[in-house]
Amino acid sequence: MADQPAVNSAKEFFEKVLPEGFAAGDHAASGENASLHYVITGEGGGEWNVKVADGKMTVTAGAAPEPALVTFKLSSRDLLDAVNSRNGAVPGLVLPIQQPGKGGGSAAARSLKGTMVLHLTRPDGDPLEMEMCFNGAAAPKTEMTVALSDRIAMDEGRMNGQEAFMTGKIKVQGDMGFLMQVAMATGR
């Protein structure tokens, strides 16, 4: 999305940019079906439901009609940083992208029940804060603090999450079992 004009609001992203970007891709063969709910806080915030089924995406504004596969909660500032690839963030932080050969996808996420809170520190400025609630389950809860650049490196396969934890790059509070389930389900 970095080569596109800047996205100026959460509404613009969810109601225009995301559906148009999805429509431009070839998703019919992926077989992925998922419902995602986004709770965006702060100025310009709101709630959006993103449903992918049979190669098509629909986006509706408002509260989720039922528990989503994953509910993301973050500030409008952090969302716009991610979708505009600025302040160290990238779109993949807020858009679950399945990497070939890495596991994950909606089938793996269906088995998860719990909430992961991410505190992604940046060298300059406030951390990017995001909460991901899997299948409507508030518990167990795990909080993870890691440098934003290290989280991106893990997502891209350039850093091993277990090694990052063992060397102190990742700090964890809460349910370690749930953290391991998330890591296995997402291939990270």
Protein backbone atom coordinates (compact mmCIF):
# COMPACT_ATOMS: atom_id res chain seq x y z
CA MET A 1 0.00 0.00 0.00
CA ALA A 2 3.03 2.23 0.24
CA ASP A 3 2.90 2.99 -3.50
CA GLN A 4 -0.74 4.11 -3.18
CA PRO A 5 -1.94 7.54 -2.05
CA ALA A 6 -2.05 7.84 1.73
CA VAL A 7 -5.13 6.48 3.47
CA ASN A 8 -6.54 9.28 5.62
CA SER A 9 -9.13 7.53 7.79
CA ALA A 10 -10.20 4.15 9.09
CA LYS A 11 -13.50 4.57 7.23
CA GLU A 12 -11.67 5.13 3.94
CA PHE A 13 -9.49 2.09 4.55
CA PHE A 14 -12.29 -0.34 5.45
CA GLU A 15 -14.96 0.90 3.11
CA LYS A 16 -12.88 1.69 0.00
CA VAL A 17 -9.19 0.71 -0.01
CA LEU A 18 -9.46 -2.77 1.54
CA PRO A 19 -12.38 -4.02 -0.62
CA GLU A 20 -10.85 -2.58 -3.80
CA GLY A 21 -7.48 -4.13 -3.01
CA PHE A 22 -9.08 -7.49 -2.31
CA ALA A 23 -11.14 -7.34 -5.52
CA ALA A 24 -7.97 -6.68 -7.52
CA GLY A 25 -6.38 -9.92 -6.26
CA ASP A 26 -7.09 -13.53 -7.13
CA HIS A 27 -8.58 -15.00 -3.96
CA ALA A 28 -11.02 -17.53 -5.42
CA ALA A 29 -8.51 -20.39 -5.23
CA SER A 30 -7.37 -19.70 -1.66
CA GLY A 31 -10.35 -21.42 -0.05
CA GLU A 32 -10.05 -19.09 2.93
CA ASN A 33 -13.28 -18.15 4.70
CA ALA A 34 -13.05 -15.86 7.70
CA SER A 35 -14.82 -13.15 9.63
CA LEU A 36 -12.72 -10.39 11.15
CA HIS A 37 -13.94 -7.56 13.36
CA TYR A 38 -12.01 -4.33 13.82
CA VAL A 39 -12.58 -1.98 16.75
CA ILE A 40 -10.75 1.25 16.01
CA THR A 41 -10.45 3.71 18.88
CA GLY A 42 -9.76 7.42 18.92
CA GLU A 43 -10.58 10.14 16.43
CA GLY A 44 -12.16 8.71 13.30
CA GLY A 45 -12.61 5.32 14.93
CA GLY A 46 -15.51 2.91 14.69
CA GLU A 47 -16.20 -0.76 14.14
CA TRP A 48 -16.02 -2.73 10.91
CA ASN A 49 -16.72 -6.35 10.02
CA VAL A 50 -14.73 -7.94 7.23
CA LYS A 51 -16.06 -11.23 5.90
CA VAL A 52 -14.28 -13.32 3.30
CA ALA A 53 -16.22 -16.23 1.84
CA ASP A 54 -15.97 -18.07 -1.46
CA GLY A 55 -13.37 -15.66 -2.82
CA LYS A 56 -15.44 -12.53 -2.08
CA MET A 57 -15.10 -9.86 0.60
CA THR A 58 -17.85 -7.87 2.24
CA VAL A 59 -17.29 -5.04 4.70
CA THR A 60 -19.99 -3.63 6.97
CA ALA A 61 -19.77 -0.94 9.60
CA GLY A 62 -21.00 -1.55 13.13
CA ALA A 63 -20.79 -4.04 15.96
CA ALA A 64 -20.12 -7.67 15.13
CA PRO A 65 -23.34 -9.69 14.78
CA GLU A 66 -21.55 -12.73 16.28
CA PRO A 67 -18.06 -13.43 17.60
CA ALA A 68 -15.53 -13.04 14.81
CA LEU A 69 -12.69 -15.41 14.09
CA VAL A 70 -10.40 -12.56 15.20
CA THR A 71 -11.34 -9.19 16.67
CA PHE A 72 -8.60 -6.57 16.35
CA LYS A 73 -8.63 -3.55 18.63
CA LEU A 74 -6.23 -0.67 18.03
CA SER A 75 -6.14 3.09 17.74
CA SER A 76 -6.88 4.91 14.51
CA ARG A 77 -3.36 6.32 14.64
CA ASP A 78 -1.81 2.85 14.82
CA LEU A 79 -4.11 1.52 12.07
CA LEU A 80 -3.16 4.38 9.75
CA ASP A 81 0.54 3.92 10.54
CA ALA A 82 0.23 0.27 9.50
CA VAL A 83 -1.83 0.69 6.33
CA ASN A 84 0.36 3.61 5.20
CA SER A 85 3.64 1.82 6.11
CA ARG A 86 4.86 4.62 8.33
CA ASN A 87 6.58 4.93 11.71
CA GLY A 88 8.00 1.42 11.32
CA ALA A 89 4.62 -0.30 10.85
CA VAL A 90 3.45 -2.37 7.87
CA PRO A 91 0.01 -3.49 6.63
CA GLY A 92 0.69 -7.12 7.59
CA LEU A 93 0.37 -6.17 11.26
CA VAL A 94 -3.37 -5.57 10.89
CA LEU A 95 -4.17 -7.77 7.88
CA PRO A 96 -3.66 -11.46 8.54
CA ILE A 97 -1.71 -12.76 5.56
CA GLN A 98 -1.08 -16.47 5.21
CA GLN A 99 2.43 -17.22 4.05
CA PRO A 100 2.88 -20.33 1.89
CA GLY A 101 4.44 -23.17 3.86
CA LYS A 102 4.09 -21.34 7.18
CA GLY A 103 0.82 -22.81 8.43
CA GLY A 104 -1.81 -20.49 9.73
CA GLY A 105 -4.85 -19.24 7.91
CA SER A 106 -8.42 -19.34 9.09
CA ALA A 107 -8.45 -23.08 9.81
CA ALA A 108 -5.64 -22.73 12.35
CA ALA A 109 -7.19 -19.62 13.92
CA ARG A 110 -10.50 -21.45 14.47
CA SER A 111 -8.83 -23.58 17.14
CA LEU A 112 -7.62 -20.57 19.14
CA LYS A 113 -9.58 -19.25 22.11
CA GLY A 114 -8.12 -16.32 23.99
CA THR A 115 -6.72 -12.81 23.71
CA MET A 116 -3.25 -11.63 22.72
CA VAL A 117 -2.21 -8.09 23.58
CA LEU A 118 0.78 -6.72 21.67
CA HIS A 119 2.95 -3.83 22.83
CA LEU A 120 5.17 -3.15 19.83
CA THR A 121 7.85 -0.68 20.84
CA ARG A 122 9.32 1.85 18.42
CA PRO A 123 12.68 3.63 18.72
CA ASP A 124 10.94 7.01 18.56
CA GLY A 125 7.47 7.62 19.86
CA ASP A 126 4.71 5.64 21.46
CA PRO A 127 4.42 1.88 20.96
CA LEU A 128 1.91 0.41 18.54
CA GLU A 129 -0.70 -1.25 20.76
CA MET A 130 -3.01 -3.95 19.43
CA GLU A 131 -5.32 -6.52 20.96
CA MET A 132 -6.41 -9.65 19.10
CA CYS A 133 -9.30 -11.64 20.51
CA PHE A 134 -9.72 -15.09 18.95
CA ASN A 135 -13.24 -16.50 18.60
CA GLY A 136 -14.74 -14.11 21.17
CA ALA A 137 -12.74 -15.52 24.10
CA ALA A 138 -11.37 -12.92 26.53
CA ALA A 139 -9.37 -15.58 28.42
CA PRO A 140 -6.76 -16.86 28.52
CA LYS A 141 -4.91 -13.60 28.03
CA THR A 142 -1.29 -13.12 27.07
CA GLU A 143 0.58 -9.82 26.78
CA MET A 144 3.70 -9.61 24.67
CA THR A 145 6.16 -6.73 24.44
CA VAL A 146 8.61 -6.75 21.54
CA ALA A 147 10.25 -4.19 19.28
CA LEU A 148 8.06 -3.44 16.27
CA SER A 149 10.96 -4.17 13.93
CA ASP A 150 11.50 -7.59 15.55
CA ARG A 151 7.79 -8.47 15.26
CA ILE A 152 7.89 -7.61 11.55
CA ALA A 153 11.07 -9.69 11.13
CA MET A 154 9.26 -12.66 12.74
CA ASP A 155 6.22 -12.16 10.51
CA GLU A 156 8.47 -12.11 7.44
CA GLY A 157 10.41 -15.20 8.54
CA ARG A 158 13.68 -13.31 9.10
CA MET A 159 13.65 -13.95 12.88
CA ASN A 160 12.72 -17.06 14.83
CA GLY A 161 10.18 -16.30 17.58
CA GLN A 162 11.55 -18.95 19.95
CA GLU A 163 15.08 -17.55 19.63
CA ALA A 164 13.76 -14.02 20.15
CA PHE A 165 12.04 -15.15 23.35
CA MET A 166 15.08 -17.06 24.61
CA THR A 167 17.37 -14.06 24.00
CA GLY A 168 15.05 -11.64 25.81
CA LYS A 169 13.79 -9.76 22.76
CA ILE A 170 10.24 -10.80 23.65
CA LYS A 171 8.78 -10.19 27.10
CA VAL A 172 5.63 -12.12 28.01
CA GLN A 173 3.06 -11.82 30.78
CA GLY A 174 0.12 -14.13 31.22
CA ASP A 175 -0.69 -17.50 29.73
CA MET A 176 2.40 -19.01 28.08
CA GLY A 177 0.39 -21.98 26.83
CA PHE A 178 -1.84 -19.68 24.81
CA LEU A 179 1.22 -17.90 23.39
CA MET A 180 2.56 -21.26 22.20
CA GLN A 181 -0.82 -22.13 20.63
CA VAL A 182 -0.80 -18.82 18.72
CA ALA A 183 2.78 -19.40 17.57
CA MET A 184 1.96 -22.91 16.34
CA ALA A 185 -1.26 -21.81 14.62
CA THR A 186 0.39 -18.90 12.82
CA GLY A 187 3.71 -20.58 12.04
CA ARG A 188 5.66 -17.82 13.81
